Amino acid sequence: MQKSSLTDLADQLLTAARGASSGRSAQTMHGGHTKTLRQTVIALIAGQRLDEHENPGEATVHVLHGQVRLATDTASCDGASGDLLLIPDARHSLEALQDAVVLLTVAKKM
């Protein structure tokens, strides 16, 4: 059994993102590219985004801090602290409307 504090990690990654030229920071908490399930905490400074990309499988974004916008070519959805967003099976982007930290959970397509 293993326990991790998402709150502490969110604070650390947000501090790192504020100091990074890219305005973002991330750490994989569980899994990885060789596993089916991957969970990654991502911090983005307001105005920064993850550019449009494919969905590698079933995925959700749990907003831990701040506010984000998940968007496709045809729709968008804003999420704030505590919200869980289902990532559509389409090209999409994620933008921080405020300094934000999210938990991205992906179950890769087999």
PDB file of N, CA and C in Angstrom:
ATOM      1  N   MET A   1       0.834  -1.168   0.000  1.00  0.00           N
ATOM      2  CA  MET A   1       0.000   0.000   0.000  1.00  0.00           C
ATOM      3  C   MET A   1       0.883   1.236   0.000  1.00  0.00           C
ATOM      4  N   GLN A   2       0.404   2.284  -0.676  1.00  0.00           N
ATOM      5  CA  GLN A   2       1.180   3.512  -0.767  1.00  0.00           C
ATOM      6  C   GLN A   2       0.245   4.703  -0.639  1.00  0.00           C
ATOM      7  N   LYS A   3       0.692   5.746   0.029  1.00  0.00           N
ATOM      8  CA  LYS A   3      -0.103   6.948   0.227  1.00  0.00           C
ATOM      9  C   LYS A   3       0.691   8.153  -0.253  1.00  0.00           C
ATOM     10  N   SER A   4       0.008   9.054  -0.971  1.00  0.00           N
ATOM     11  CA  SER A   4       0.642  10.288  -1.443  1.00  0.00           C
ATOM     12  C   SER A   4      -0.289  11.452  -1.164  1.00  0.00           C
ATOM     13  N   SER A   5       0.273  12.613  -0.879  1.00  0.00           N
ATOM     14  CA  SER A   5      -0.520  13.816  -0.661  1.00  0.00           C
ATOM     15  C   SER A   5      -0.593  14.616  -1.951  1.00  0.00           C
ATOM     16  N   LEU A   6      -1.768  14.620  -2.564  1.00  0.00           N
ATOM     17  CA  LEU A   6      -1.957  15.414  -3.777  1.00  0.00           C
ATOM     18  C   LEU A   6      -1.904  16.900  -3.456  1.00  0.00           C
ATOM     19  N   THR A   7      -2.333  17.273  -2.266  1.00  0.00           N
ATOM     20  CA  THR A   7      -2.305  18.682  -1.853  1.00  0.00           C
ATOM     21  C   THR A   7      -0.872  19.185  -1.790  1.00  0.00           C
ATOM     22  N   ASP A   8       0.008  18.430  -1.135  1.00  0.00           N
ATOM     23  CA  ASP A   8       1.415  18.832  -1.045  1.00  0.00           C
ATOM     24  C   ASP A   8       2.070  18.872  -2.419  1.00  0.00           C
ATOM     25  N   LEU A   9       1.809  17.853  -3.235  1.00  0.00           N
ATOM     26  CA  LEU A   9       2.395  17.812  -4.573  1.00  0.00           C
ATOM     27  C   LEU A   9       1.868  18.964  -5.415  1.00  0.00           C
ATOM     28  N   ALA A  10       0.579  19.273  -5.308  1.00  0.00           N
ATOM     29  CA  ALA A  10       0.005  20.390  -6.065  1.00  0.00           C
ATOM     30  C   ALA A  10       0.722  21.690  -5.722  1.00  0.00           C
ATOM     31  N   ASP A  11       0.969  21.921  -4.443  1.00  0.00           N
ATOM     32  CA  ASP A  11       1.680  23.127  -4.014  1.00  0.00           C
ATOM     33  C   ASP A  11       3.087  23.167  -4.595  1.00  0.00           C
ATOM     34  N   GLN A  12       3.792  22.042  -4.549  1.00  0.00           N
ATOM     35  CA  GLN A  12       5.160  21.970  -5.065  1.00  0.00           C
ATOM     36  C   GLN A  12       5.199  22.232  -6.569  1.00  0.00           C
ATOM     37  N   LEU A  13       4.273  21.591  -7.303  1.00  0.00           N
ATOM     38  CA  LEU A  13       4.269  21.738  -8.758  1.00  0.00           C
ATOM     39  C   LEU A  13       3.849  23.136  -9.184  1.00  0.00           C
ATOM     40  N   LEU A  14       2.939  23.750  -8.458  1.00  0.00           N
ATOM     41  CA  LEU A  14       2.529  25.117  -8.776  1.00  0.00           C
ATOM     42  C   LEU A  14       3.693  26.084  -8.564  1.00  0.00           C
ATOM     43  N   THR A  15       4.450  25.896  -7.502  1.00  0.00           N
ATOM     44  CA  THR A  15       5.639  26.711  -7.261  1.00  0.00           C
ATOM     45  C   THR A  15       6.648  26.517  -8.391  1.00  0.00           C
ATOM     46  N   ALA A  16       6.852  25.269  -8.792  1.00  0.00           N
ATOM     47  CA  ALA A  16       7.784  24.969  -9.880  1.00  0.00           C
ATOM     48  C   ALA A  16       7.302  25.579 -11.200  1.00  0.00           C
ATOM     49  N   ALA A  17       6.004  25.510 -11.473  1.00  0.00           N
ATOM     50  CA  ALA A  17       5.450  26.068 -12.709  1.00  0.00           C
ATOM     51  C   ALA A  17       5.631  27.581 -12.754  1.00  0.00           C
ATOM     52  N   ARG A  18       5.452  28.225 -11.613  1.00  0.00           N
ATOM     53  CA  ARG A  18       5.623  29.685 -11.558  1.00  0.00           C
ATOM     54  C   ARG A  18       7.056  30.097 -11.853  1.00  0.00           C
ATOM     55  N   GLY A  19       8.005  29.220 -11.576  1.00  0.00           N
ATOM     56  CA  GLY A  19       9.402  29.512 -11.833  1.00  0.00           C
ATOM     57  C   GLY A  19       9.915  28.993 -13.166  1.00  0.00           C
ATOM     58  N   ALA A  20       9.093  28.245 -13.888  1.00  0.00           N
ATOM     59  CA  ALA A  20       9.519  27.639 -15.157  1.00  0.00           C
ATOM     60  C   ALA A  20       9.167  28.547 -16.337  1.00  0.00           C
ATOM     61  N   SER A  21      10.041  28.605 -17.324  1.00  0.00           N
ATOM     62  CA  SER A  21       9.772  29.430 -18.508  1.00  0.00           C
ATOM     63  C   SER A  21       8.546  28.935 -19.274  1.00  0.00           C
ATOM     64  N   SER A  22       8.244  27.637 -19.164  1.00  0.00           N
ATOM     65  CA  SER A  22       7.080  27.067 -19.855  1.00  0.00           C
ATOM     66  C   SER A  22       5.778  27.368 -19.124  1.00  0.00           C
ATOM     67  N   GLY A  23       5.878  27.748 -17.838  1.00  0.00           N
ATOM     68  CA  GLY A  23       4.678  28.017 -17.048  1.00  0.00           C
ATOM     69  C   GLY A  23       3.932  26.763 -16.651  1.00  0.00           C
ATOM     70  N   ARG A  24       4.632  25.630 -16.662  1.00  0.00           N
ATOM     71  CA  ARG A  24       3.986  24.384 -16.256  1.00  0.00           C
ATOM     72  C   ARG A  24       4.983  23.433 -15.615  1.00  0.00           C
ATOM     73  N   SER A  25       4.416  22.455 -14.901  1.00  0.00           N
ATOM     74  CA  SER A  25       5.217  21.441 -14.227  1.00  0.00           C
ATOM     75  C   SER A  25       4.330  20.218 -14.047  1.00  0.00           C
ATOM     76  N   ALA A  26       4.916  19.023 -14.064  1.00  0.00           N
ATOM     77  CA  ALA A  26       4.109  17.806 -13.948  1.00  0.00           C
ATOM     78  C   ALA A  26       4.915  16.687 -13.309  1.00  0.00           C
ATOM     79  N   GLN A  27       4.178  15.753 -12.719  1.00  0.00           N
ATOM     80  CA  GLN A  27       4.804  14.555 -12.159  1.00  0.00           C
ATOM     81  C   GLN A  27       3.818  13.400 -12.261  1.00  0.00           C
ATOM     82  N   THR A  28       4.287  12.277 -12.781  1.00  0.00           N
ATOM     83  CA  THR A  28       3.464  11.068 -12.828  1.00  0.00           C
ATOM     84  C   THR A  28       3.441  10.459 -11.435  1.00  0.00           C
ATOM     85  N   MET A  29       2.230  10.213 -10.950  1.00  0.00           N
ATOM     86  CA  MET A  29       2.036   9.648  -9.613  1.00  0.00           C
ATOM     87  C   MET A  29       1.953   8.133  -9.637  1.00  0.00           C
ATOM     88  N   HIS A  30       1.386   7.614 -10.712  1.00  0.00           N
ATOM     89  CA  HIS A  30       1.163   6.177 -10.803  1.00  0.00           C
ATOM     90  C   HIS A  30       1.234   5.762 -12.263  1.00  0.00           C
ATOM     91  N   GLY A  31       1.785   4.598 -12.489  1.00  0.00           N
ATOM     92  CA  GLY A  31       1.821   4.053 -13.841  1.00  0.00           C
ATOM     93  C   GLY A  31       2.893   4.710 -14.675  1.00  0.00           C
ATOM     94  N   GLY A  32       2.651   4.736 -15.949  1.00  0.00           N
ATOM     95  CA  GLY A  32       3.612   5.295 -16.891  1.00  0.00           C
ATOM     96  C   GLY A  32       3.289   4.804 -18.278  1.00  0.00           C
ATOM     97  N   HIS A  33       4.199   5.027 -19.210  1.00  0.00           N
ATOM     98  CA  HIS A  33       3.951   4.677 -20.602  1.00  0.00           C
ATOM     99  C   HIS A  33       3.828   3.172 -20.835  1.00  0.00           C
ATOM    100  N   THR A  34       4.375   2.353 -19.958  1.00  0.00           N
ATOM    101  CA  THR A  34       4.303   0.906 -20.137  1.00  0.00           C
ATOM    102  C   THR A  34       3.101   0.289 -19.415  1.00  0.00           C
ATOM    103  N   LYS A  35       2.332   1.094 -18.704  1.00  0.00           N
ATOM    104  CA  LYS A  35       1.178   0.608 -17.938  1.00  0.00           C
ATOM    105  C   LYS A  35      -0.124   1.035 -18.619  1.00  0.00           C
ATOM    106  N   THR A  36      -1.200   0.355 -18.303  1.00  0.00           N
ATOM    107  CA  THR A  36      -2.505   0.720 -18.835  1.00  0.00           C
ATOM    108  C   THR A  36      -3.023   1.984 -18.172  1.00  0.00           C
ATOM    109  N   LEU A  37      -2.874   2.096 -16.860  1.00  0.00           N
ATOM    110  CA  LEU A  37      -3.354   3.244 -16.107  1.00  0.00           C
ATOM    111  C   LEU A  37      -2.200   4.181 -15.791  1.00  0.00           C
ATOM    112  N   ARG A  38      -2.429   5.480 -16.034  1.00  0.00           N
ATOM    113  CA  ARG A  38      -1.417   6.479 -15.695  1.00  0.00           C
ATOM    114  C   ARG A  38      -2.114   7.660 -15.038  1.00  0.00           C
ATOM    115  N   GLN A  39      -1.565   8.137 -13.923  1.00  0.00           N
ATOM    116  CA  GLN A  39      -2.097   9.309 -13.234  1.00  0.00           C
ATOM    117  C   GLN A  39      -0.971  10.327 -13.096  1.00  0.00           C
ATOM    118  N   THR A  40      -1.225  11.529 -13.596  1.00  0.00           N
ATOM    119  CA  THR A  40      -0.222  12.578 -13.616  1.00  0.00           C
ATOM    120  C   THR A  40      -0.816  13.857 -13.052  1.00  0.00           C
ATOM    121  N   VAL A  41      -0.082  14.502 -12.162  1.00  0.00           N
ATOM    122  CA  VAL A  41      -0.486  15.805 -11.634  1.00  0.00           C
ATOM    123  C   VAL A  41       0.221  16.857 -12.480  1.00  0.00           C
ATOM    124  N   ILE A  42      -0.573  17.815 -12.984  1.00  0.00           N
ATOM    125  CA  ILE A  42      -0.061  18.848 -13.882  1.00  0.00           C
ATOM    126  C   ILE A  42      -0.428  20.215 -13.320  1.00  0.00           C
ATOM    127  N   ALA A  43       0.566  21.099 -13.214  1.00  0.00           N
ATOM    128  CA  ALA A  43       0.336  22.482 -12.797  1.00  0.00           C
ATOM    129  C   ALA A  43       0.547  23.395 -13.996  1.00  0.00           C
ATOM    130  N   LEU A  44      -0.378  24.324 -14.191  1.00  0.00           N
ATOM    131  CA  LEU A  44      -0.301  25.300 -15.277  1.00  0.00           C
ATOM    132  C   LEU A  44      -0.566  26.693 -14.715  1.00  0.00           C
ATOM    133  N   ILE A  45       0.256  27.649 -15.100  1.00  0.00           N
ATOM    134  CA  ILE A  45       0.043  29.041 -14.717  1.00  0.00           C
ATOM    135  C   ILE A  45      -1.065  29.617 -15.606  1.00  0.00           C
ATOM    136  N   ALA A  46      -1.838  30.554 -15.067  1.00  0.00           N
ATOM    137  CA  ALA A  46      -2.935  31.172 -15.825  1.00  0.00           C
ATOM    138  C   ALA A  46      -2.465  31.582 -17.219  1.00  0.00           C
ATOM    139  N   GLY A  47      -3.256  31.204 -18.225  1.00  0.00           N
ATOM    140  CA  GLY A  47      -2.941  31.522 -19.618  1.00  0.00           C
ATOM    141  C   GLY A  47      -2.138  30.455 -20.333  1.00  0.00           C
ATOM    142  N   GLN A  48      -1.517  29.539 -19.600  1.00  0.00           N
ATOM    143  CA  GLN A  48      -0.754  28.452 -20.225  1.00  0.00           C
ATOM    144  C   GLN A  48      -1.715  27.352 -20.645  1.00  0.00           C
ATOM    145  N   ARG A  49      -1.282  26.560 -21.611  1.00  0.00           N
ATOM    146  CA  ARG A  49      -2.157  25.491 -22.103  1.00  0.00           C
ATOM    147  C   ARG A  49      -1.357  24.286 -22.569  1.00  0.00           C
ATOM    148  N   LEU A  50      -2.053  23.171 -22.574  1.00  0.00           N
ATOM    149  CA  LEU A  50      -1.558  21.974 -23.239  1.00  0.00           C
ATOM    150  C   LEU A  50      -2.213  22.010 -24.603  1.00  0.00           C
ATOM    151  N   ASP A  51      -1.426  22.206 -25.648  1.00  0.00           N
ATOM    152  CA  ASP A  51      -1.977  22.361 -26.986  1.00  0.00           C
ATOM    153  C   ASP A  51      -2.775  21.133 -27.404  1.00  0.00           C
ATOM    154  N   GLU A  52      -3.563  21.321 -28.442  1.00  0.00           N
ATOM    155  CA  GLU A  52      -4.442  20.266 -28.941  1.00  0.00           C
ATOM    156  C   GLU A  52      -3.652  18.986 -29.189  1.00  0.00           C
ATOM    157  N   HIS A  53      -4.213  17.872 -28.710  1.00  0.00           N
ATOM    158  CA  HIS A  53      -3.572  16.565 -28.858  1.00  0.00           C
ATOM    159  C   HIS A  53      -4.646  15.475 -28.841  1.00  0.00           C
ATOM    160  N   GLU A  54      -4.255  14.283 -29.255  1.00  0.00           N
ATOM    161  CA  GLU A  54      -5.172  13.141 -29.281  1.00  0.00           C
ATOM    162  C   GLU A  54      -5.389  12.608 -27.875  1.00  0.00           C
ATOM    163  N   ASN A  55      -6.510  11.965 -27.668  1.00  0.00           N
ATOM    164  CA  ASN A  55      -6.795  11.277 -26.420  1.00  0.00           C
ATOM    165  C   ASN A  55      -6.253   9.856 -26.550  1.00  0.00           C
ATOM    166  N   PRO A  56      -5.294   9.460 -25.697  1.00  0.00           N
ATOM    167  CA  PRO A  56      -4.690   8.134 -25.822  1.00  0.00           C
ATOM    168  C   PRO A  56      -5.554   7.001 -25.277  1.00  0.00           C
ATOM    169  N   GLY A  57      -6.709   7.323 -24.718  1.00  0.00           N
ATOM    170  CA  GLY A  57      -7.594   6.304 -24.138  1.00  0.00           C
ATOM    171  C   GLY A  57      -8.661   6.977 -23.303  1.00  0.00           C
ATOM    172  N   GLU A  58      -9.336   6.210 -22.470  1.00  0.00           N
ATOM    173  CA  GLU A  58     -10.316   6.815 -21.573  1.00  0.00           C
ATOM    174  C   GLU A  58      -9.565   7.704 -20.594  1.00  0.00           C
ATOM    175  N   ALA A  59     -10.083   8.920 -20.375  1.00  0.00           N
ATOM    176  CA  ALA A  59      -9.335   9.851 -19.537  1.00  0.00           C
ATOM    177  C   ALA A  59     -10.263  10.836 -18.832  1.00  0.00           C
ATOM    178  N   THR A  60      -9.797  11.283 -17.659  1.00  0.00           N
ATOM    179  CA  THR A  60     -10.494  12.316 -16.903  1.00  0.00           C
ATOM    180  C   THR A  60      -9.483  13.327 -16.397  1.00  0.00           C
ATOM    181  N   VAL A  61      -9.985  14.529 -16.114  1.00  0.00           N
ATOM    182  CA  VAL A  61      -9.206  15.575 -15.468  1.00  0.00           C
ATOM    183  C   VAL A  61      -9.949  15.960 -14.202  1.00  0.00           C
ATOM    184  N   HIS A  62      -9.297  15.797 -13.049  1.00  0.00           N
ATOM    185  CA  HIS A  62      -9.855  16.220 -11.766  1.00  0.00           C
ATOM    186  C   HIS A  62      -9.147  17.521 -11.410  1.00  0.00           C
ATOM    187  N   VAL A  63      -9.904  18.607 -11.310  1.00  0.00           N
ATOM    188  CA  VAL A  63      -9.310  19.903 -10.992  1.00  0.00           C
ATOM    189  C   VAL A  63      -9.066  19.962  -9.485  1.00  0.00           C
ATOM    190  N   LEU A  64      -7.800  20.054  -9.103  1.00  0.00           N
ATOM    191  CA  LEU A  64      -7.412  20.108  -7.694  1.00  0.00           C
ATOM    192  C   LEU A  64      -7.343  21.540  -7.188  1.00  0.00           C
ATOM    193  N   HIS A  65      -6.999  22.469  -8.089  1.00  0.00           N
ATOM    194  CA  HIS A  65      -6.814  23.871  -7.705  1.00  0.00           C
ATOM    195  C   HIS A  65      -7.041  24.748  -8.931  1.00  0.00           C
ATOM    196  N   GLY A  66      -7.709  25.876  -8.763  1.00  0.00           N
ATOM    197  CA  GLY A  66      -7.847  26.838  -9.844  1.00  0.00           C
ATOM    198  C   GLY A  66      -8.982  26.528 -10.790  1.00  0.00           C
ATOM    199  N   GLN A  67      -8.818  26.996 -12.035  1.00  0.00           N
ATOM    200  CA  GLN A  67      -9.861  26.831 -13.041  1.00  0.00           C
ATOM    201  C   GLN A  67      -9.226  26.563 -14.394  1.00  0.00           C
ATOM    202  N   VAL A  68      -9.811  25.613 -15.142  1.00  0.00           N
ATOM    203  CA  VAL A  68      -9.301  25.233 -16.463  1.00  0.00           C
ATOM    204  C   VAL A  68     -10.436  25.186 -17.479  1.00  0.00           C
ATOM    205  N   ARG A  69     -10.045  25.184 -18.751  1.00  0.00           N
ATOM    206  CA  ARG A  69     -11.001  24.985 -19.847  1.00  0.00           C
ATOM    207  C   ARG A  69     -10.510  23.828 -20.701  1.00  0.00           C
ATOM    208  N   LEU A  70     -11.343  22.811 -20.839  1.00  0.00           N
ATOM    209  CA  LEU A  70     -11.097  21.668 -21.714  1.00  0.00           C
ATOM    210  C   LEU A  70     -11.867  21.946 -22.997  1.00  0.00           C
ATOM    211  N   ALA A  71     -11.194  21.896 -24.149  1.00  0.00           N
ATOM    212  CA  ALA A  71     -11.856  22.276 -25.395  1.00  0.00           C
ATOM    213  C   ALA A  71     -11.525  21.331 -26.537  1.00  0.00           C
ATOM    214  N   THR A  72     -12.527  21.129 -27.401  1.00  0.00           N
ATOM    215  CA  THR A  72     -12.349  20.453 -28.681  1.00  0.00           C
ATOM    216  C   THR A  72     -12.662  21.490 -29.764  1.00  0.00           C
ATOM    217  N   ASP A  73     -12.672  21.072 -31.025  1.00  0.00           N
ATOM    218  CA  ASP A  73     -13.025  21.985 -32.114  1.00  0.00           C
ATOM    219  C   ASP A  73     -14.464  22.475 -32.001  1.00  0.00           C
ATOM    220  N   THR A  74     -15.322  21.675 -31.387  1.00  0.00           N
ATOM    221  CA  THR A  74     -16.754  21.993 -31.403  1.00  0.00           C
ATOM    222  C   THR A  74     -17.360  22.342 -30.050  1.00  0.00           C
ATOM    223  N   ALA A  75     -16.630  22.141 -28.956  1.00  0.00           N
ATOM    224  CA  ALA A  75     -17.219  22.389 -27.635  1.00  0.00           C
ATOM    225  C   ALA A  75     -16.128  22.680 -26.614  1.00  0.00           C
ATOM    226  N   SER A  76     -16.558  23.263 -25.490  1.00  0.00           N
ATOM    227  CA  SER A  76     -15.623  23.468 -24.385  1.00  0.00           C
ATOM    228  C   SER A  76     -16.377  23.337 -23.071  1.00  0.00           C
ATOM    229  N   CYS A  77     -15.612  23.073 -22.014  1.00  0.00           N
ATOM    230  CA  CYS A  77     -16.181  22.908 -20.680  1.00  0.00           C
ATOM    231  C   CYS A  77     -15.189  23.476 -19.677  1.00  0.00           C
ATOM    232  N   ASP A  78     -15.665  24.368 -18.810  1.00  0.00           N
ATOM    233  CA  ASP A  78     -14.813  24.915 -17.758  1.00  0.00           C
ATOM    234  C   ASP A  78     -14.958  24.074 -16.508  1.00  0.00           C
ATOM    235  N   GLY A  79     -13.860  23.924 -15.787  1.00  0.00           N
ATOM    236  CA  GLY A  79     -13.872  23.179 -14.539  1.00  0.00           C
ATOM    237  C   GLY A  79     -13.128  23.958 -13.469  1.00  0.00           C
ATOM    238  N   ALA A  80     -13.619  23.885 -12.234  1.00  0.00           N
ATOM    239  CA  ALA A  80     -12.993  24.549 -11.097  1.00  0.00           C
ATOM    240  C   ALA A  80     -12.663  23.503 -10.037  1.00  0.00           C
ATOM    241  N   SER A  81     -11.967  23.934  -9.005  1.00  0.00           N
ATOM    242  CA  SER A  81     -11.550  23.031  -7.930  1.00  0.00           C
ATOM    243  C   SER A  81     -12.669  22.088  -7.526  1.00  0.00           C
ATOM    244  N   GLY A  82     -12.358  20.796  -7.528  1.00  0.00           N
ATOM    245  CA  GLY A  82     -13.325  19.772  -7.153  1.00  0.00           C
ATOM    246  C   GLY A  82     -14.077  19.157  -8.322  1.00  0.00           C
ATOM    247  N   ASP A  83     -14.011  19.781  -9.506  1.00  0.00           N
ATOM    248  CA  ASP A  83     -14.733  19.253 -10.673  1.00  0.00           C
ATOM    249  C   ASP A  83     -13.950  18.118 -11.332  1.00  0.00           C
ATOM    250  N   LEU A  84     -14.696  17.175 -11.893  1.00  0.00           N
ATOM    251  CA  LEU A  84     -14.128  16.074 -12.664  1.00  0.00           C
ATOM    252  C   LEU A  84     -14.640  16.207 -14.088  1.00  0.00           C
ATOM    253  N   LEU A  85     -13.724  16.347 -15.040  1.00  0.00           N
ATOM    254  CA  LEU A  85     -14.076  16.508 -16.445  1.00  0.00           C
ATOM    255  C   LEU A  85     -13.734  15.238 -17.205  1.00  0.00           C
ATOM    256  N   LEU A  86     -14.689  14.731 -17.969  1.00  0.00           N
ATOM    257  CA  LEU A  86     -14.462  13.578 -18.823  1.00  0.00           C
ATOM    258  C   LEU A  86     -13.861  14.077 -20.130  1.00  0.00           C
ATOM    259  N   ILE A  87     -12.689  13.573 -20.478  1.00  0.00           N
ATOM    260  CA  ILE A  87     -12.035  13.999 -21.714  1.00  0.00           C
ATOM    261  C   ILE A  87     -12.668  13.248 -22.884  1.00  0.00           C
ATOM    262  N   PRO A  88     -13.158  13.980 -23.890  1.00  0.00           N
ATOM    263  CA  PRO A  88     -13.815  13.323 -25.024  1.00  0.00           C
ATOM    264  C   PRO A  88     -12.811  12.553 -25.877  1.00  0.00           C
ATOM    265  N   ASP A  89     -13.329  11.609 -26.634  1.00  0.00           N
ATOM    266  CA  ASP A  89     -12.491  10.828 -27.540  1.00  0.00           C
ATOM    267  C   ASP A  89     -12.302  11.641 -28.821  1.00  0.00           C
ATOM    268  N   ALA A  90     -11.582  12.738 -28.694  1.00  0.00           N
ATOM    269  CA  ALA A  90     -11.346  13.665 -29.804  1.00  0.00           C
ATOM    270  C   ALA A  90     -10.114  14.494 -29.476  1.00  0.00           C
ATOM    271  N   ARG A  91      -9.567  15.146 -30.503  1.00  0.00           N
ATOM    272  CA  ARG A  91      -8.464  16.075 -30.243  1.00  0.00           C
ATOM    273  C   ARG A  91      -8.975  17.147 -29.291  1.00  0.00           C
ATOM    274  N   HIS A  92      -8.122  17.527 -28.335  1.00  0.00           N
ATOM    275  CA  HIS A  92      -8.553  18.479 -27.314  1.00  0.00           C
ATOM    276  C   HIS A  92      -7.361  19.250 -26.768  1.00  0.00           C
ATOM    277  N   SER A  93      -7.660  20.344 -26.077  1.00  0.00           N
ATOM    278  CA  SER A  93      -6.632  21.137 -25.412  1.00  0.00           C
ATOM    279  C   SER A  93      -7.098  21.427 -23.991  1.00  0.00           C
ATOM    280  N   LEU A  94      -6.167  21.842 -23.147  1.00  0.00           N
ATOM    281  CA  LEU A  94      -6.489  22.210 -21.769  1.00  0.00           C
ATOM    282  C   LEU A  94      -5.786  23.524 -21.476  1.00  0.00           C
ATOM    283  N   GLU A  95      -6.556  24.531 -21.051  1.00  0.00           N
ATOM    284  CA  GLU A  95      -6.010  25.859 -20.755  1.00  0.00           C
ATOM    285  C   GLU A  95      -6.294  26.226 -19.310  1.00  0.00           C
ATOM    286  N   ALA A  96      -5.319  26.828 -18.653  1.00  0.00           N
ATOM    287  CA  ALA A  96      -5.510  27.321 -17.292  1.00  0.00           C
ATOM    288  C   ALA A  96      -6.119  28.717 -17.357  1.00  0.00           C
ATOM    289  N   LEU A  97      -7.342  28.862 -16.847  1.00  0.00           N
ATOM    290  CA  LEU A  97      -7.986  30.169 -16.786  1.00  0.00           C
ATOM    291  C   LEU A  97      -7.496  30.947 -15.574  1.00  0.00           C
ATOM    292  N   GLN A  98      -7.086  30.211 -14.537  1.00  0.00           N
ATOM    293  CA  GLN A  98      -6.399  30.727 -13.350  1.00  0.00           C
ATOM    294  C   GLN A  98      -5.233  29.762 -13.123  1.00  0.00           C
ATOM    295  N   ASP A  99      -4.270  30.135 -12.280  1.00  0.00           N
ATOM    296  CA  ASP A  99      -3.256  29.156 -11.913  1.00  0.00           C
ATOM    297  C   ASP A  99      -3.993  27.888 -11.491  1.00  0.00           C
ATOM    298  N   ALA A 100      -3.594  26.754 -12.031  1.00  0.00           N
ATOM    299  CA  ALA A 100      -4.374  25.532 -11.820  1.00  0.00           C
ATOM    300  C   ALA A 100      -3.480  24.311 -11.659  1.00  0.00           C
ATOM    301  N   VAL A 101      -4.028  23.326 -10.952  1.00  0.00           N
ATOM    302  CA  VAL A 101      -3.392  22.015 -10.825  1.00  0.00           C
ATOM    303  C   VAL A 101      -4.483  20.980 -11.063  1.00  0.00           C
ATOM    304  N   VAL A 102      -4.182  20.003 -11.923  1.00  0.00           N
ATOM    305  CA  VAL A 102      -5.150  18.953 -12.239  1.00  0.00           C
ATOM    306  C   VAL A 102      -4.512  17.583 -12.063  1.00  0.00           C
ATOM    307  N   LEU A 103      -5.352  16.604 -11.810  1.00  0.00           N
ATOM    308  CA  LEU A 103      -4.935  15.206 -11.810  1.00  0.00           C
ATOM    309  C   LEU A 103      -5.490  14.589 -13.083  1.00  0.00           C
ATOM    310  N   LEU A 104      -4.608  14.244 -14.011  1.00  0.00           N
ATOM    311  CA  LEU A 104      -4.983  13.595 -15.257  1.00  0.00           C
ATOM    312  C   LEU A 104      -4.898  12.087 -15.048  1.00  0.00           C
ATOM    313  N   THR A 105      -6.004  11.395 -15.302  1.00  0.00           N
ATOM    314  CA  THR A 105      -6.039   9.943 -15.206  1.00  0.00           C
ATOM    315  C   THR A 105      -6.348   9.389 -16.584  1.00  0.00           C
ATOM    316  N   VAL A 106      -5.488   8.501 -17.081  1.00  0.00           N
ATOM    317  CA  VAL A 106      -5.645   7.918 -18.417  1.00  0.00           C
ATOM    318  C   VAL A 106      -5.566   6.399 -18.329  1.00  0.00           C
ATOM    319  N   ALA A 107      -6.545   5.731 -18.938  1.00  0.00           N
ATOM    320  CA  ALA A 107      -6.488   4.288 -19.147  1.00  0.00           C
ATOM    321  C   ALA A 107      -6.292   4.106 -20.651  1.00  0.00           C
ATOM    322  N   LYS A 108      -5.079   3.725 -21.038  1.00  0.00           N
ATOM    323  CA  LYS A 108      -4.730   3.644 -22.462  1.00  0.00           C
ATOM    324  C   LYS A 108      -5.559   2.599 -23.192  1.00  0.00           C
ATOM    325  N   LYS A 109      -5.837   2.900 -24.453  1.00  0.00           N
ATOM    326  CA  LYS A 109      -6.508   1.935 -25.318  1.00  0.00           C
ATOM    327  C   LYS A 109      -5.565   0.772 -25.558  1.00  0.00           C
ATOM    328  N   MET A 110      -6.117  -0.409 -25.545  1.00  0.00           N
ATOM    329  CA  MET A 110      -5.293  -1.596 -25.765  1.00  0.00           C
ATOM    330  C   MET A 110      -5.392  -2.040 -27.199  1.00  0.00           C
TER     331      MET A 110
END
